[in-house]
Amino acid sequence: MKFPSTRNFFCLEGIDGSGKTTQLELLANALEEKGYKVVKLREPGGAVISEHVRSILLNPAFKGIMDDSTELLLYNAARAQVIAEIILPALENGNIVLADRFAYSTLAYQGYGRGLSLKKVNELTAITCEKCFPELTLILDINAKQSKIRRSHRDETPDRLESEADLFFDKVSEGYKQIAKENPDTVCIFDAMLEKETIHQKILEAVLLRLKP
């Protein structure tokens, strides 16, 4: 399903450990140095209500308890709130919005990863996002093995999603590749194993091309 793109709205995607959060910070700093006003947010989260939903979604205590459809609906509930409260007002005020995950995460994780109906996921995304969808999504591609190695260096307890098996992340990773293949005009995919600065320059170049009048 094709979604309408929203000018000045960009998203970084990838499985855990791909480096998307680091790249978002580098991108935000580079754009601000060029004089752009930037609003950053993470998903799920970004708004107070959305952050409360995040705490439920990622709570390890709910592993094996939360139904996949409940998970799908909660992600979309958090997203609907952050769109209304943060994203749309920021865009209306002339800001660039950078999101650490958005709706393609749900398609990759709940659709390809969990095996929920892609049609159902896309239909729910259409309801949640309406006319608010990134004009460009930047996916950092990494396999489950490398993701696990990177995450093992973190000094924190894995959340409910991070503690999934490698097979799950392999499915999510393949899902992201399929998303990129099906949406070449609005999705770019990058090798997350390249040097951090190399990836940053490629991402910055792709975004600046979109920002040209």
Protein backbone atom coordinates (compact mmCIF):
# COMPACT_ATOMS: atom_id res chain seq x y z
CA MET A 1 0.00 0.00 0.00
CA LYS A 2 1.26 3.48 -0.91
CA PHE A 3 0.91 6.24 1.68
CA PRO A 4 0.80 9.99 0.98
CA SER A 5 4.05 11.69 1.96
CA THR A 6 4.30 14.75 4.18
CA ARG A 7 6.89 17.40 3.35
CA ASN A 8 9.76 17.90 5.83
CA PHE A 9 8.95 14.70 7.72
CA PHE A 10 11.75 12.11 7.78
CA CYS A 11 12.12 8.80 9.57
CA LEU A 12 15.01 6.49 10.44
CA GLU A 13 14.25 2.78 10.66
CA GLY A 14 16.06 -0.49 11.35
CA ILE A 15 16.19 -3.35 13.79
CA ASP A 16 17.64 -2.76 17.26
CA GLY A 17 21.38 -2.19 17.11
CA SER A 18 21.36 -0.81 13.57
CA GLY A 19 22.54 2.62 14.70
CA LYS A 20 19.44 4.57 13.71
CA THR A 21 19.29 6.58 16.95
CA THR A 22 22.92 7.66 16.55
CA GLN A 23 22.33 8.58 12.92
CA LEU A 24 19.23 10.58 13.82
CA GLU A 25 21.27 12.68 16.24
CA LEU A 26 23.99 13.25 13.65
CA LEU A 27 21.39 14.22 11.05
CA ALA A 28 19.61 16.59 13.42
CA ASN A 29 22.87 18.33 14.33
CA ALA A 30 23.89 18.68 10.69
CA LEU A 31 20.53 20.17 9.70
CA GLU A 32 20.54 22.58 12.62
CA GLU A 33 24.03 23.74 11.62
CA LYS A 34 22.56 24.55 8.21
CA GLY A 35 19.87 26.71 9.84
CA TYR A 36 16.92 24.33 9.83
CA LYS A 37 14.60 24.04 12.81
CA VAL A 38 14.40 20.41 13.83
CA VAL A 39 12.00 18.49 16.08
CA LYS A 40 13.11 14.98 17.10
CA LEU A 41 10.96 12.22 18.50
CA ARG A 42 11.07 8.51 19.16
CA GLU A 43 8.46 5.84 18.59
CA PRO A 44 6.64 4.59 20.43
CA GLY A 45 6.68 7.78 22.46
CA GLY A 46 7.29 11.44 21.79
CA ALA A 47 4.17 12.66 23.59
CA VAL A 48 3.26 12.09 27.24
CA ILE A 49 0.43 9.66 26.51
CA SER A 50 2.56 7.91 23.89
CA GLU A 51 5.40 7.48 26.40
CA HIS A 52 3.00 5.79 28.82
CA VAL A 53 1.94 3.41 26.05
CA ARG A 54 5.63 2.77 25.34
CA SER A 55 6.20 1.69 28.93
CA ILE A 56 3.48 -0.95 28.50
CA LEU A 57 4.68 -2.14 25.10
CA LEU A 58 8.32 -2.61 26.10
CA ASN A 59 7.80 -3.93 29.63
CA PRO A 60 9.58 -7.33 29.87
CA ALA A 61 6.95 -8.44 32.40
CA PHE A 62 4.43 -8.69 29.54
CA LYS A 63 6.57 -11.00 27.38
CA GLY A 64 4.51 -14.03 26.43
CA ILE A 65 1.35 -12.38 27.76
CA MET A 66 0.60 -9.54 25.35
CA ASP A 67 -1.43 -10.64 22.34
CA ASP A 68 0.01 -9.69 18.95
CA SER A 69 -3.15 -7.77 18.01
CA THR A 70 -2.98 -5.86 21.28
CA GLU A 71 0.60 -4.94 20.45
CA LEU A 72 -0.42 -3.75 16.99
CA LEU A 73 -3.23 -1.58 18.34
CA LEU A 74 -1.10 -0.07 21.10
CA TYR A 75 1.61 0.99 18.66
CA ASN A 76 -0.99 2.72 16.53
CA ALA A 77 -2.61 4.38 19.54
CA ALA A 78 0.74 5.84 20.59
CA ARG A 79 1.34 6.97 17.00
CA ALA A 80 -2.04 8.66 16.64
CA GLN A 81 -1.33 10.73 19.75
CA VAL A 82 2.15 11.85 18.72
CA ILE A 83 0.91 12.80 15.25
CA ALA A 84 -1.82 15.01 16.68
CA GLU A 85 0.16 16.47 19.56
CA ILE A 86 3.71 16.78 18.20
CA ILE A 87 4.24 16.05 14.51
CA LEU A 88 1.50 18.05 12.80
CA PRO A 89 1.96 21.19 14.96
CA ALA A 90 5.73 21.04 14.40
CA LEU A 91 5.33 20.81 10.63
CA GLU A 92 2.76 23.61 10.61
CA ASN A 93 5.31 25.78 12.43
CA GLY A 94 7.90 25.21 9.72
CA ASN A 95 10.04 22.61 11.49
CA ILE A 96 11.66 19.53 10.05
CA VAL A 97 10.50 16.46 11.95
CA LEU A 98 12.87 13.52 12.45
CA ALA A 99 11.35 10.34 13.84
CA ASP A 100 13.23 7.43 15.35
CA ARG A 101 10.80 4.83 13.94
CA PHE A 102 7.32 5.32 12.51
CA ALA A 103 4.69 3.19 10.78
CA TYR A 104 7.09 1.04 8.75
CA SER A 105 8.37 -0.30 12.08
CA THR A 106 4.90 -1.67 12.72
CA LEU A 107 4.76 -3.23 9.27
CA ALA A 108 8.20 -4.79 9.75
CA TYR A 109 7.81 -5.94 13.36
CA GLN A 110 4.13 -6.80 13.68
CA GLY A 111 3.52 -7.66 10.03
CA TYR A 112 6.64 -9.49 8.87
CA GLY A 113 8.00 -10.32 12.33
CA ARG A 114 4.84 -11.44 14.12
CA GLY A 115 3.16 -12.70 10.98
CA LEU A 116 0.05 -10.56 11.28
CA SER A 117 -1.87 -9.81 8.09
CA LEU A 118 0.04 -7.19 6.09
CA LYS A 119 -3.27 -6.00 4.71
CA LYS A 120 -4.62 -5.46 8.24
CA VAL A 121 -1.46 -3.67 9.35
CA ASN A 122 -1.56 -1.36 6.32
CA GLU A 123 -5.26 -0.62 6.73
CA LEU A 124 -4.72 0.33 10.36
CA THR A 125 -1.75 2.49 9.36
CA ALA A 126 -3.95 4.31 6.84
CA ILE A 127 -6.48 5.07 9.58
CA THR A 128 -3.85 6.16 12.10
CA CYS A 129 -1.64 8.24 9.83
CA GLU A 130 -4.19 9.58 7.33
CA LYS A 131 -2.20 12.27 5.48
CA CYS A 132 0.78 12.30 7.83
CA PHE A 133 3.53 9.98 6.61
CA PRO A 134 7.29 10.58 6.12
CA GLU A 135 8.30 11.86 2.72
CA LEU A 136 11.48 9.82 3.09
CA THR A 137 12.25 6.80 5.26
CA LEU A 138 15.90 5.86 5.79
CA ILE A 139 16.44 2.21 6.72
CA LEU A 140 19.68 0.97 8.26
CA ASP A 141 20.13 -2.65 7.25
CA ILE A 142 21.83 -5.10 9.62
CA ASN A 143 21.36 -8.83 10.18
CA ALA A 144 20.18 -10.38 13.43
CA LYS A 145 23.62 -11.72 14.34
CA GLN A 146 25.32 -8.33 14.11
CA SER A 147 22.39 -6.70 15.87
CA LYS A 148 22.77 -9.12 18.79
CA ILE A 149 26.52 -8.46 19.04
CA ARG A 150 25.95 -4.70 19.19
CA ARG A 151 23.13 -4.98 21.71
CA SER A 152 25.25 -7.20 23.95
CA HIS A 153 27.55 -4.23 24.57
CA ARG A 154 24.76 -2.18 26.09
CA ASP A 155 24.72 -1.87 29.85
CA GLU A 156 20.97 -2.27 30.18
CA THR A 157 18.35 -4.97 30.47
CA PRO A 158 16.74 -5.87 27.11
CA ASP A 159 13.14 -4.74 26.81
CA ARG A 160 10.26 -6.99 25.71
CA LEU A 161 11.00 -6.56 21.99
CA GLU A 162 14.79 -6.64 22.25
CA SER A 163 14.63 -10.02 24.01
CA GLU A 164 13.03 -11.73 21.00
CA ALA A 165 14.90 -14.58 19.27
CA ASP A 166 17.23 -14.08 16.31
CA LEU A 167 14.66 -15.65 13.98
CA PHE A 168 12.22 -12.86 14.80
CA PHE A 169 14.78 -10.18 13.95
CA ASP A 170 15.70 -12.00 10.74
CA LYS A 171 12.05 -11.79 9.69
CA VAL A 172 11.91 -8.09 10.61
CA SER A 173 15.11 -7.38 8.70
CA GLU A 174 13.75 -9.13 5.60
CA GLY A 175 10.55 -7.17 6.04
CA TYR A 176 12.44 -3.89 5.92
CA LYS A 177 14.16 -4.99 2.72
CA GLN A 178 10.81 -5.80 1.16
CA ILE A 179 9.43 -2.41 2.22
CA ALA A 180 12.39 -0.69 0.55
CA LYS A 181 11.92 -2.76 -2.60
CA GLU A 182 8.24 -1.88 -2.84
CA ASN A 183 8.70 1.85 -2.13
CA PRO A 184 11.80 2.98 -4.06
CA ASP A 185 10.61 6.59 -4.34
CA THR A 186 10.16 7.13 -0.60
CA VAL A 187 12.48 4.62 1.07
CA CYS A 188 16.28 4.44 1.03
CA ILE A 189 18.21 1.53 2.54
CA PHE A 190 21.80 1.75 3.80
CA ASP A 191 24.34 -0.84 4.93
CA ALA A 192 24.52 -0.35 8.70
CA MET A 193 27.94 -2.03 8.81
CA LEU A 194 29.60 0.89 7.02
CA GLU A 195 31.56 3.48 8.99
CA LYS A 196 29.34 5.77 11.04
CA GLU A 197 30.47 8.93 9.24
CA THR A 198 30.00 7.32 5.82
CA ILE A 199 26.42 6.40 6.66
CA HIS A 200 25.79 9.89 8.02
CA GLN A 201 26.97 11.57 4.84
CA LYS A 202 24.80 9.31 2.69
CA ILE A 203 21.74 10.01 4.85
CA LEU A 204 22.40 13.75 4.94
CA GLU A 205 22.76 13.86 1.16
CA ALA A 206 19.46 12.00 0.69
CA VAL A 207 17.61 14.34 3.05
CA LEU A 208 19.09 17.54 1.61
CA LEU A 209 17.95 16.50 -1.87
CA ARG A 210 14.39 16.44 -0.52
CA LEU A 211 14.75 19.81 1.14
CA LYS A 212 15.72 21.62 -2.05
CA PRO A 213 12.94 24.02 -3.19
